[in-house]
Amino acid sequence: MEINEKLLRALGLCAKARRLICGTPQVCEALRGRQKPYLVLEAAGNSENTSKRIADKCTYYGVRLIRLTVDGDTLSQTIGKSGRVAAVAITDENLCKLLLGTCDEKHS
């Protein structure tokens, strides 16, 4: 199985478990909140402004950011949303470990 496919399946699992925050405004709000997400994933093809906004928030609040190779349309299909999704945040520690394991495989 291809690494991208594994990553997308893991994201689908997060969505089904309702441990996913979708959309740039919601992700930024969650980063400011009490219970911060464990991981933020950004879709490829975002505008410079959106990418900078997400990266700055993640850096400021100390949350790991991973830029995906899939575009926002593919990301939204994976998590069962309509429209384009620029970023998602994972709110469960164990699901975050699963995704990080998949990403680490990719970089090996």
PDB file of N, CA and C in Angstrom:
ATOM      1  N   MET A   1       0.848  -1.187   0.000  1.00  0.00           N
ATOM      2  CA  MET A   1       0.000   0.000   0.000  1.00  0.00           C
ATOM      3  C   MET A   1       0.894   1.251   0.000  1.00  0.00           C
ATOM      4  N   GLU A   2       0.545   2.197  -0.809  1.00  0.00           N
ATOM      5  CA  GLU A   2       1.301   3.441  -0.916  1.00  0.00           C
ATOM      6  C   GLU A   2       1.172   4.262   0.372  1.00  0.00           C
ATOM      7  N   ILE A   3       2.236   5.000   0.704  1.00  0.00           N
ATOM      8  CA  ILE A   3       2.273   5.770   1.946  1.00  0.00           C
ATOM      9  C   ILE A   3       1.156   6.819   1.980  1.00  0.00           C
ATOM     10  N   ASN A   4       0.932   7.536   0.874  1.00  0.00           N
ATOM     11  CA  ASN A   4      -0.147   8.532   0.835  1.00  0.00           C
ATOM     12  C   ASN A   4      -1.493   7.887   1.131  1.00  0.00           C
ATOM     13  N   GLU A   5      -1.692   6.692   0.594  1.00  0.00           N
ATOM     14  CA  GLU A   5      -2.945   5.988   0.817  1.00  0.00           C
ATOM     15  C   GLU A   5      -3.101   5.622   2.303  1.00  0.00           C
ATOM     16  N   LYS A   6      -2.010   5.183   2.930  1.00  0.00           N
ATOM     17  CA  LYS A   6      -2.044   4.863   4.366  1.00  0.00           C
ATOM     18  C   LYS A   6      -2.389   6.101   5.187  1.00  0.00           C
ATOM     19  N   LEU A   7      -1.771   7.212   4.829  1.00  0.00           N
ATOM     20  CA  LEU A   7      -2.009   8.465   5.542  1.00  0.00           C
ATOM     21  C   LEU A   7      -3.471   8.901   5.396  1.00  0.00           C
ATOM     22  N   LEU A   8      -3.999   8.802   4.198  1.00  0.00           N
ATOM     23  CA  LEU A   8      -5.385   9.199   3.964  1.00  0.00           C
ATOM     24  C   LEU A   8      -6.360   8.282   4.696  1.00  0.00           C
ATOM     25  N   ARG A   9      -6.056   6.999   4.750  1.00  0.00           N
ATOM     26  CA  ARG A   9      -6.913   6.075   5.499  1.00  0.00           C
ATOM     27  C   ARG A   9      -6.894   6.402   6.987  1.00  0.00           C
ATOM     28  N   ALA A  10      -5.708   6.732   7.508  1.00  0.00           N
ATOM     29  CA  ALA A  10      -5.597   7.108   8.923  1.00  0.00           C
ATOM     30  C   ALA A  10      -6.389   8.387   9.194  1.00  0.00           C
ATOM     31  N   LEU A  11      -6.358   9.331   8.265  1.00  0.00           N
ATOM     32  CA  LEU A  11      -7.144  10.563   8.404  1.00  0.00           C
ATOM     33  C   LEU A  11      -8.637  10.264   8.373  1.00  0.00           C
ATOM     34  N   GLY A  12      -9.048   9.346   7.516  1.00  0.00           N
ATOM     35  CA  GLY A  12     -10.443   8.936   7.469  1.00  0.00           C
ATOM     36  C   GLY A  12     -10.882   8.327   8.792  1.00  0.00           C
ATOM     37  N   LEU A  13      -9.997   7.560   9.406  1.00  0.00           N
ATOM     38  CA  LEU A  13     -10.271   6.965  10.715  1.00  0.00           C
ATOM     39  C   LEU A  13     -10.449   8.060  11.777  1.00  0.00           C
ATOM     40  N   CYS A  14      -9.594   9.072  11.727  1.00  0.00           N
ATOM     41  CA  CYS A  14      -9.710  10.200  12.661  1.00  0.00           C
ATOM     42  C   CYS A  14     -11.052  10.906  12.494  1.00  0.00           C
ATOM     43  N   ALA A  15     -11.479  11.069  11.243  1.00  0.00           N
ATOM     44  CA  ALA A  15     -12.752  11.738  10.971  1.00  0.00           C
ATOM     45  C   ALA A  15     -13.916  10.912  11.507  1.00  0.00           C
ATOM     46  N   LYS A  16     -13.870   9.604  11.305  1.00  0.00           N
ATOM     47  CA  LYS A  16     -14.946   8.743  11.797  1.00  0.00           C
ATOM     48  C   LYS A  16     -14.998   8.735  13.319  1.00  0.00           C
ATOM     49  N   ALA A  17     -13.828   8.866  13.949  1.00  0.00           N
ATOM     50  CA  ALA A  17     -13.759   8.890  15.410  1.00  0.00           C
ATOM     51  C   ALA A  17     -14.108  10.269  15.972  1.00  0.00           C
ATOM     52  N   ARG A  18     -14.360  11.228  15.088  1.00  0.00           N
ATOM     53  CA  ARG A  18     -14.679  12.615  15.483  1.00  0.00           C
ATOM     54  C   ARG A  18     -13.567  13.237  16.322  1.00  0.00           C
ATOM     55  N   ARG A  19     -12.338  12.998  15.897  1.00  0.00           N
ATOM     56  CA  ARG A  19     -11.159  13.550  16.562  1.00  0.00           C
ATOM     57  C   ARG A  19     -10.390  14.455  15.593  1.00  0.00           C
ATOM     58  N   LEU A  20     -11.151  15.160  14.776  1.00  0.00           N
ATOM     59  CA  LEU A  20     -10.570  15.969  13.722  1.00  0.00           C
ATOM     60  C   LEU A  20     -11.242  17.335  13.694  1.00  0.00           C
ATOM     61  N   ILE A  21     -10.436  18.368  13.577  1.00  0.00           N
ATOM     62  CA  ILE A  21     -10.954  19.730  13.411  1.00  0.00           C
ATOM     63  C   ILE A  21     -10.632  20.134  11.976  1.00  0.00           C
ATOM     64  N   CYS A  22     -11.633  20.596  11.237  1.00  0.00           N
ATOM     65  CA  CYS A  22     -11.474  20.891   9.814  1.00  0.00           C
ATOM     66  C   CYS A  22     -11.594  22.382   9.533  1.00  0.00           C
ATOM     67  N   GLY A  23     -10.718  22.878   8.687  1.00  0.00           N
ATOM     68  CA  GLY A  23     -10.784  24.263   8.247  1.00  0.00           C
ATOM     69  C   GLY A  23      -9.805  25.166   8.980  1.00  0.00           C
ATOM     70  N   THR A  24      -9.254  26.116   8.265  1.00  0.00           N
ATOM     71  CA  THR A  24      -8.243  27.019   8.820  1.00  0.00           C
ATOM     72  C   THR A  24      -8.750  27.822  10.015  1.00  0.00           C
ATOM     73  N   PRO A  25      -9.919  28.466   9.942  1.00  0.00           N
ATOM     74  CA  PRO A  25     -10.370  29.246  11.106  1.00  0.00           C
ATOM     75  C   PRO A  25     -10.573  28.379  12.355  1.00  0.00           C
ATOM     76  N   GLN A  26     -11.136  27.187  12.160  1.00  0.00           N
ATOM     77  CA  GLN A  26     -11.387  26.296  13.292  1.00  0.00           C
ATOM     78  C   GLN A  26     -10.079  25.759  13.880  1.00  0.00           C
ATOM     79  N   VAL A  27      -9.114  25.460  13.015  1.00  0.00           N
ATOM     80  CA  VAL A  27      -7.813  24.976  13.483  1.00  0.00           C
ATOM     81  C   VAL A  27      -7.110  26.074  14.276  1.00  0.00           C
ATOM     82  N   CYS A  28      -7.119  27.298  13.768  1.00  0.00           N
ATOM     83  CA  CYS A  28      -6.475  28.417  14.470  1.00  0.00           C
ATOM     84  C   CYS A  28      -7.150  28.675  15.817  1.00  0.00           C
ATOM     85  N   GLU A  29      -8.465  28.576  15.851  1.00  0.00           N
ATOM     86  CA  GLU A  29      -9.199  28.764  17.109  1.00  0.00           C
ATOM     87  C   GLU A  29      -8.847  27.657  18.106  1.00  0.00           C
ATOM     88  N   ALA A  30      -8.743  26.428  17.623  1.00  0.00           N
ATOM     89  CA  ALA A  30      -8.388  25.304  18.497  1.00  0.00           C
ATOM     90  C   ALA A  30      -6.975  25.468  19.053  1.00  0.00           C
ATOM     91  N   LEU A  31      -6.074  26.006  18.260  1.00  0.00           N
ATOM     92  CA  LEU A  31      -4.693  26.226  18.727  1.00  0.00           C
ATOM     93  C   LEU A  31      -4.656  27.237  19.865  1.00  0.00           C
ATOM     94  N   ARG A  32      -5.553  28.214  19.831  1.00  0.00           N
ATOM     95  CA  ARG A  32      -5.614  29.222  20.896  1.00  0.00           C
ATOM     96  C   ARG A  32      -6.320  28.696  22.140  1.00  0.00           C
ATOM     97  N   GLY A  33      -7.102  27.644  21.990  1.00  0.00           N
ATOM     98  CA  GLY A  33      -7.936  27.137  23.072  1.00  0.00           C
ATOM     99  C   GLY A  33      -7.163  26.399  24.155  1.00  0.00           C
ATOM    100  N   ARG A  34      -7.910  25.917  25.126  1.00  0.00           N
ATOM    101  CA  ARG A  34      -7.320  25.204  26.261  1.00  0.00           C
ATOM    102  C   ARG A  34      -6.732  23.863  25.866  1.00  0.00           C
ATOM    103  N   GLN A  35      -7.531  23.085  25.124  1.00  0.00           N
ATOM    104  CA  GLN A  35      -7.056  21.771  24.715  1.00  0.00           C
ATOM    105  C   GLN A  35      -6.550  21.852  23.292  1.00  0.00           C
ATOM    106  N   LYS A  36      -5.251  21.999  23.182  1.00  0.00           N
ATOM    107  CA  LYS A  36      -4.634  22.161  21.872  1.00  0.00           C
ATOM    108  C   LYS A  36      -4.599  20.838  21.122  1.00  0.00           C
ATOM    109  N   PRO A  37      -4.684  20.896  19.800  1.00  0.00           N
ATOM    110  CA  PRO A  37      -4.530  19.678  19.000  1.00  0.00           C
ATOM    111  C   PRO A  37      -3.097  19.147  19.127  1.00  0.00           C
ATOM    112  N   TYR A  38      -2.922  17.889  18.837  1.00  0.00           N
ATOM    113  CA  TYR A  38      -1.600  17.272  18.909  1.00  0.00           C
ATOM    114  C   TYR A  38      -0.818  17.451  17.612  1.00  0.00           C
ATOM    115  N   LEU A  39      -1.539  17.642  16.515  1.00  0.00           N
ATOM    116  CA  LEU A  39      -0.903  17.693  15.204  1.00  0.00           C
ATOM    117  C   LEU A  39      -1.796  18.467  14.242  1.00  0.00           C
ATOM    118  N   VAL A  40      -1.166  19.247  13.355  1.00  0.00           N
ATOM    119  CA  VAL A  40      -1.906  19.959  12.305  1.00  0.00           C
ATOM    120  C   VAL A  40      -1.363  19.494  10.959  1.00  0.00           C
ATOM    121  N   LEU A  41      -2.265  19.184  10.044  1.00  0.00           N
ATOM    122  CA  LEU A  41      -1.902  18.766   8.687  1.00  0.00           C
ATOM    123  C   LEU A  41      -2.440  19.793   7.706  1.00  0.00           C
ATOM    124  N   GLU A  42      -1.571  20.264   6.824  1.00  0.00           N
ATOM    125  CA  GLU A  42      -1.944  21.289   5.849  1.00  0.00           C
ATOM    126  C   GLU A  42      -1.929  20.691   4.449  1.00  0.00           C
ATOM    127  N   ALA A  43      -2.956  20.973   3.680  1.00  0.00           N
ATOM    128  CA  ALA A  43      -3.058  20.484   2.306  1.00  0.00           C
ATOM    129  C   ALA A  43      -2.099  21.242   1.396  1.00  0.00           C
ATOM    130  N   ALA A  44      -1.708  20.603   0.321  1.00  0.00           N
ATOM    131  CA  ALA A  44      -0.859  21.258  -0.685  1.00  0.00           C
ATOM    132  C   ALA A  44      -1.716  22.231  -1.493  1.00  0.00           C
ATOM    133  N   GLY A  45      -1.089  23.253  -2.024  1.00  0.00           N
ATOM    134  CA  GLY A  45      -1.793  24.177  -2.899  1.00  0.00           C
ATOM    135  C   GLY A  45      -2.522  25.302  -2.196  1.00  0.00           C
ATOM    136  N   ASN A  46      -2.250  25.507  -0.906  1.00  0.00           N
ATOM    137  CA  ASN A  46      -2.869  26.630  -0.205  1.00  0.00           C
ATOM    138  C   ASN A  46      -2.191  27.929  -0.615  1.00  0.00           C
ATOM    139  N   SER A  47      -2.879  29.031  -0.413  1.00  0.00           N
ATOM    140  CA  SER A  47      -2.273  30.324  -0.706  1.00  0.00           C
ATOM    141  C   SER A  47      -1.148  30.603   0.289  1.00  0.00           C
ATOM    142  N   GLU A  48      -0.259  31.510  -0.080  1.00  0.00           N
ATOM    143  CA  GLU A  48       0.854  31.862   0.808  1.00  0.00           C
ATOM    144  C   GLU A  48       0.336  32.390   2.142  1.00  0.00           C
ATOM    145  N   ASN A  49      -0.705  33.198   2.081  1.00  0.00           N
ATOM    146  CA  ASN A  49      -1.278  33.784   3.292  1.00  0.00           C
ATOM    147  C   ASN A  49      -1.807  32.709   4.241  1.00  0.00           C
ATOM    148  N   THR A  50      -2.527  31.744   3.696  1.00  0.00           N
ATOM    149  CA  THR A  50      -3.082  30.656   4.515  1.00  0.00           C
ATOM    150  C   THR A  50      -1.954  29.818   5.105  1.00  0.00           C
ATOM    151  N   SER A  51      -0.972  29.464   4.288  1.00  0.00           N
ATOM    152  CA  SER A  51       0.157  28.662   4.763  1.00  0.00           C
ATOM    153  C   SER A  51       0.913  29.372   5.877  1.00  0.00           C
ATOM    154  N   LYS A  52       1.142  30.672   5.696  1.00  0.00           N
ATOM    155  CA  LYS A  52       1.864  31.445   6.711  1.00  0.00           C
ATOM    156  C   LYS A  52       1.056  31.539   8.001  1.00  0.00           C
ATOM    157  N   ARG A  53      -0.238  31.760   7.873  1.00  0.00           N
ATOM    158  CA  ARG A  53      -1.111  31.859   9.050  1.00  0.00           C
ATOM    159  C   ARG A  53      -1.068  30.564   9.869  1.00  0.00           C
ATOM    160  N   ILE A  54      -1.193  29.436   9.195  1.00  0.00           N
ATOM    161  CA  ILE A  54      -1.180  28.142   9.879  1.00  0.00           C
ATOM    162  C   ILE A  54       0.192  27.878  10.496  1.00  0.00           C
ATOM    163  N   ALA A  55       1.247  28.122   9.728  1.00  0.00           N
ATOM    164  CA  ALA A  55       2.605  27.876  10.223  1.00  0.00           C
ATOM    165  C   ALA A  55       2.941  28.757  11.426  1.00  0.00           C
ATOM    166  N   ASP A  56       2.555  30.024  11.367  1.00  0.00           N
ATOM    167  CA  ASP A  56       2.834  30.943  12.480  1.00  0.00           C
ATOM    168  C   ASP A  56       2.108  30.514  13.756  1.00  0.00           C
ATOM    169  N   LYS A  57       0.837  30.113  13.618  1.00  0.00           N
ATOM    170  CA  LYS A  57       0.063  29.672  14.791  1.00  0.00           C
ATOM    171  C   LYS A  57       0.673  28.401  15.388  1.00  0.00           C
ATOM    172  N   CYS A  58       1.039  27.462  14.526  1.00  0.00           N
ATOM    173  CA  CYS A  58       1.624  26.199  15.021  1.00  0.00           C
ATOM    174  C   CYS A  58       2.949  26.453  15.726  1.00  0.00           C
ATOM    175  N   THR A  59       3.762  27.317  15.176  1.00  0.00           N
ATOM    176  CA  THR A  59       5.048  27.646  15.796  1.00  0.00           C
ATOM    177  C   THR A  59       4.827  28.328  17.139  1.00  0.00           C
ATOM    178  N   TYR A  60       3.935  29.290  17.178  1.00  0.00           N
ATOM    179  CA  TYR A  60       3.684  30.044  18.401  1.00  0.00           C
ATOM    180  C   TYR A  60       3.170  29.149  19.526  1.00  0.00           C
ATOM    181  N   TYR A  61       2.253  28.240  19.193  1.00  0.00           N
ATOM    182  CA  TYR A  61       1.646  27.389  20.215  1.00  0.00           C
ATOM    183  C   TYR A  61       2.357  26.047  20.397  1.00  0.00           C
ATOM    184  N   GLY A  62       3.426  25.823  19.645  1.00  0.00           N
ATOM    185  CA  GLY A  62       4.236  24.621  19.822  1.00  0.00           C
ATOM    186  C   GLY A  62       3.575  23.334  19.370  1.00  0.00           C
ATOM    187  N   VAL A  63       2.811  23.393  18.289  1.00  0.00           N
ATOM    188  CA  VAL A  63       2.140  22.211  17.746  1.00  0.00           C
ATOM    189  C   VAL A  63       2.810  21.854  16.419  1.00  0.00           C
ATOM    190  N   ARG A  64       3.084  20.572  16.241  1.00  0.00           N
ATOM    191  CA  ARG A  64       3.760  20.117  15.031  1.00  0.00           C
ATOM    192  C   ARG A  64       2.860  20.302  13.808  1.00  0.00           C
ATOM    193  N   LEU A  65       3.470  20.763  12.713  1.00  0.00           N
ATOM    194  CA  LEU A  65       2.768  20.985  11.451  1.00  0.00           C
ATOM    195  C   LEU A  65       3.390  20.106  10.384  1.00  0.00           C
ATOM    196  N   ILE A  66       2.554  19.410   9.641  1.00  0.00           N
ATOM    197  CA  ILE A  66       3.023  18.597   8.518  1.00  0.00           C
ATOM    198  C   ILE A  66       2.298  19.067   7.269  1.00  0.00           C
ATOM    199  N   ARG A  67       3.070  19.351   6.234  1.00  0.00           N
ATOM    200  CA  ARG A  67       2.481  19.743   4.948  1.00  0.00           C
ATOM    201  C   ARG A  67       2.302  18.488   4.101  1.00  0.00           C
ATOM    202  N   LEU A  68       1.097  18.259   3.650  1.00  0.00           N
ATOM    203  CA  LEU A  68       0.773  17.068   2.869  1.00  0.00           C
ATOM    204  C   LEU A  68       1.045  17.291   1.391  1.00  0.00           C
ATOM    205  N   THR A  69       1.141  16.194   0.653  1.00  0.00           N
ATOM    206  CA  THR A  69       1.318  16.286  -0.796  1.00  0.00           C
ATOM    207  C   THR A  69      -0.008  16.228  -1.532  1.00  0.00           C
ATOM    208  N   VAL A  70      -1.105  15.996  -0.799  1.00  0.00           N
ATOM    209  CA  VAL A  70      -2.434  15.960  -1.419  1.00  0.00           C
ATOM    210  C   VAL A  70      -3.075  17.340  -1.337  1.00  0.00           C
ATOM    211  N   ASP A  71      -3.919  17.634  -2.317  1.00  0.00           N
ATOM    212  CA  ASP A  71      -4.568  18.953  -2.331  1.00  0.00           C
ATOM    213  C   ASP A  71      -5.798  18.973  -1.421  1.00  0.00           C
ATOM    214  N   GLY A  72      -6.363  20.139  -1.265  1.00  0.00           N
ATOM    215  CA  GLY A  72      -7.498  20.334  -0.364  1.00  0.00           C
ATOM    216  C   GLY A  72      -8.743  19.574  -0.776  1.00  0.00           C
ATOM    217  N   ASP A  73      -8.939  19.374  -2.076  1.00  0.00           N
ATOM    218  CA  ASP A  73     -10.107  18.624  -2.547  1.00  0.00           C
ATOM    219  C   ASP A  73     -10.007  17.149  -2.153  1.00  0.00           C
ATOM    220  N   THR A  74      -8.819  16.576  -2.315  1.00  0.00           N
ATOM    221  CA  THR A  74      -8.600  15.179  -1.933  1.00  0.00           C
ATOM    222  C   THR A  74      -8.730  15.027  -0.425  1.00  0.00           C
ATOM    223  N   LEU A  75      -8.182  15.983   0.307  1.00  0.00           N
ATOM    224  CA  LEU A  75      -8.271  15.955   1.765  1.00  0.00           C
ATOM    225  C   LEU A  75      -9.731  16.002   2.218  1.00  0.00           C
ATOM    226  N   SER A  76     -10.525  16.862   1.610  1.00  0.00           N
ATOM    227  CA  SER A  76     -11.929  16.971   2.004  1.00  0.00           C
ATOM    228  C   SER A  76     -12.710  15.696   1.671  1.00  0.00           C
ATOM    229  N   GLN A  77     -12.421  15.062   0.542  1.00  0.00           N
ATOM    230  CA  GLN A  77     -13.066  13.796   0.194  1.00  0.00           C
ATOM    231  C   GLN A  77     -12.722  12.721   1.215  1.00  0.00           C
ATOM    232  N   THR A  78     -11.469  12.695   1.656  1.00  0.00           N
ATOM    233  CA  THR A  78     -11.004  11.691   2.605  1.00  0.00           C
ATOM    234  C   THR A  78     -11.752  11.775   3.927  1.00  0.00           C
ATOM    235  N   ILE A  79     -12.023  12.986   4.373  1.00  0.00           N
ATOM    236  CA  ILE A  79     -12.654  13.150   5.685  1.00  0.00           C
ATOM    237  C   ILE A  79     -14.173  13.326   5.592  1.00  0.00           C
ATOM    238  N   GLY A  80     -14.707  13.231   4.368  1.00  0.00           N
ATOM    239  CA  GLY A  80     -16.156  13.263   4.188  1.00  0.00           C
ATOM    240  C   GLY A  80     -16.773  14.645   4.240  1.00  0.00           C
ATOM    241  N   LYS A  81     -16.035  15.643   3.821  1.00  0.00           N
ATOM    242  CA  LYS A  81     -16.566  17.018   3.776  1.00  0.00           C
ATOM    243  C   LYS A  81     -16.761  17.447   2.334  1.00  0.00           C
ATOM    244  N   SER A  82     -17.664  18.387   2.129  1.00  0.00           N
ATOM    245  CA  SER A  82     -17.819  18.942   0.791  1.00  0.00           C
ATOM    246  C   SER A  82     -17.048  20.255   0.737  1.00  0.00           C
ATOM    247  N   GLY A  83     -16.552  20.588  -0.412  1.00  0.00           N
ATOM    248  CA  GLY A  83     -15.729  21.786  -0.539  1.00  0.00           C
ATOM    249  C   GLY A  83     -14.275  21.480  -0.249  1.00  0.00           C
ATOM    250  N   ARG A  84     -13.456  22.500  -0.320  1.00  0.00           N
ATOM    251  CA  ARG A  84     -12.010  22.341  -0.136  1.00  0.00           C
ATOM    252  C   ARG A  84     -11.636  22.569   1.321  1.00  0.00           C
ATOM    253  N   VAL A  85     -10.743  21.729   1.849  1.00  0.00           N
ATOM    254  CA  VAL A  85     -10.255  21.875   3.221  1.00  0.00           C
ATOM    255  C   VAL A  85      -8.764  22.181   3.168  1.00  0.00           C
ATOM    256  N   ALA A  86      -8.352  23.294   3.753  1.00  0.00           N
ATOM    257  CA  ALA A  86      -6.950  23.708   3.709  1.00  0.00           C
ATOM    258  C   ALA A  86      -6.123  23.063   4.809  1.00  0.00           C
ATOM    259  N   ALA A  87      -6.740  22.801   5.961  1.00  0.00           N
ATOM    260  CA  ALA A  87      -5.994  22.235   7.090  1.00  0.00           C
ATOM    261  C   ALA A  87      -6.927  21.454   8.001  1.00  0.00           C
ATOM    262  N   VAL A  88      -6.341  20.460   8.672  1.00  0.00           N
ATOM    263  CA  VAL A  88      -7.057  19.696   9.691  1.00  0.00           C
ATOM    264  C   VAL A  88      -6.148  19.549  10.900  1.00  0.00           C
ATOM    265  N   ALA A  89      -6.763  19.379  12.059  1.00  0.00           N
ATOM    266  CA  ALA A  89      -6.004  19.187  13.294  1.00  0.00           C
ATOM    267  C   ALA A  89      -6.495  17.905  13.964  1.00  0.00           C
ATOM    268  N   ILE A  90      -5.561  17.153  14.518  1.00  0.00           N
ATOM    269  CA  ILE A  90      -5.868  15.891  15.199  1.00  0.00           C
ATOM    270  C   ILE A  90      -5.932  16.163  16.695  1.00  0.00           C
ATOM    271  N   THR A  91      -7.030  15.746  17.331  1.00  0.00           N
ATOM    272  CA  THR A  91      -7.219  16.044  18.754  1.00  0.00           C
ATOM    273  C   THR A  91      -7.051  14.831  19.663  1.00  0.00           C
ATOM    274  N   ASP A  92      -6.686  13.685  19.101  1.00  0.00           N
ATOM    275  CA  ASP A  92      -6.496  12.480  19.906  1.00  0.00           C
ATOM    276  C   ASP A  92      -5.031  12.053  19.842  1.00  0.00           C
ATOM    277  N   GLU A  93      -4.424  11.802  21.005  1.00  0.00           N
ATOM    278  CA  GLU A  93      -3.001  11.491  21.065  1.00  0.00           C
ATOM    279  C   GLU A  93      -2.656  10.182  20.351  1.00  0.00           C
ATOM    280  N   ASN A  94      -3.470   9.156  20.535  1.00  0.00           N
ATOM    281  CA  ASN A  94      -3.172   7.867  19.904  1.00  0.00           C
ATOM    282  C   ASN A  94      -3.324   7.919  18.385  1.00  0.00           C
ATOM    283  N   LEU A  95      -4.338   8.608  17.916  1.00  0.00           N
ATOM    284  CA  LEU A  95      -4.499   8.766  16.472  1.00  0.00           C
ATOM    285  C   LEU A  95      -3.380   9.626  15.897  1.00  0.00           C
ATOM    286  N   CYS A  96      -2.906  10.570  16.673  1.00  0.00           N
ATOM    287  CA  CYS A  96      -1.767  11.392  16.259  1.00  0.00           C
ATOM    288  C   CYS A  96      -0.524  10.518  16.081  1.00  0.00           C
ATOM    289  N   LYS A  97      -0.299   9.595  17.022  1.00  0.00           N
ATOM    290  CA  LYS A  97       0.845   8.679  16.922  1.00  0.00           C
ATOM    291  C   LYS A  97       0.733   7.809  15.678  1.00  0.00           C
ATOM    292  N   LEU A  98      -0.475   7.357  15.364  1.00  0.00           N
ATOM    293  CA  LEU A  98      -0.708   6.561  14.162  1.00  0.00           C
ATOM    294  C   LEU A  98      -0.330   7.363  12.911  1.00  0.00           C
ATOM    295  N   LEU A  99      -0.781   8.600  12.844  1.00  0.00           N
ATOM    296  CA  LEU A  99      -0.464   9.449  11.689  1.00  0.00           C
ATOM    297  C   LEU A  99       1.026   9.752  11.602  1.00  0.00           C
ATOM    298  N   LEU A 100       1.654  10.028  12.748  1.00  0.00           N
ATOM    299  CA  LEU A 100       3.089  10.317  12.746  1.00  0.00           C
ATOM    300  C   LEU A 100       3.890   9.091  12.316  1.00  0.00           C
ATOM    301  N   GLY A 101       3.438   7.911  12.717  1.00  0.00           N
ATOM    302  CA  GLY A 101       4.093   6.675  12.281  1.00  0.00           C
ATOM    303  C   GLY A 101       4.016   6.520  10.777  1.00  0.00           C
ATOM    304  N   THR A 102       2.877   6.855  10.203  1.00  0.00           N
ATOM    305  CA  THR A 102       2.703   6.794   8.756  1.00  0.00           C
ATOM    306  C   THR A 102       3.590   7.827   8.070  1.00  0.00           C
ATOM    307  N   CYS A 103       3.671   9.037   8.626  1.00  0.00           N
ATOM    308  CA  CYS A 103       4.505  10.090   8.042  1.00  0.00           C
ATOM    309  C   CYS A 103       5.991   9.742   8.157  1.00  0.00           C
ATOM    310  N   ASP A 104       6.392   9.146   9.273  1.00  0.00           N
ATOM    311  CA  ASP A 104       7.792   8.760   9.454  1.00  0.00           C
ATOM    312  C   ASP A 104       8.189   7.668   8.465  1.00  0.00           C
ATOM    313  N   GLU A 105       7.255   6.750   8.156  1.00  0.00           N
ATOM    314  CA  GLU A 105       7.494   5.732   7.148  1.00  0.00           C
ATOM    315  C   GLU A 105       7.797   6.398   5.799  1.00  0.00           C
ATOM    316  N   LYS A 106       7.043   7.448   5.531  1.00  0.00           N
ATOM    317  CA  LYS A 106       7.168   8.164   4.275  1.00  0.00           C
ATOM    318  C   LYS A 106       8.554   8.785   4.118  1.00  0.00           C
ATOM    319  N   HIS A 107       9.099   9.294   5.217  1.00  0.00           N
ATOM    320  CA  HIS A 107      10.376   9.980   5.160  1.00  0.00           C
ATOM    321  C   HIS A 107      11.558   9.035   5.314  1.00  0.00           C
ATOM    322  N   SER A 108      11.316   7.759   5.571  1.00  0.00           N
ATOM    323  CA  SER A 108      12.399   6.778   5.723  1.00  0.00           C
ATOM    324  C   SER A 108      12.943   6.343   4.395  1.00  0.00           C
TER     325      SER A 108
END
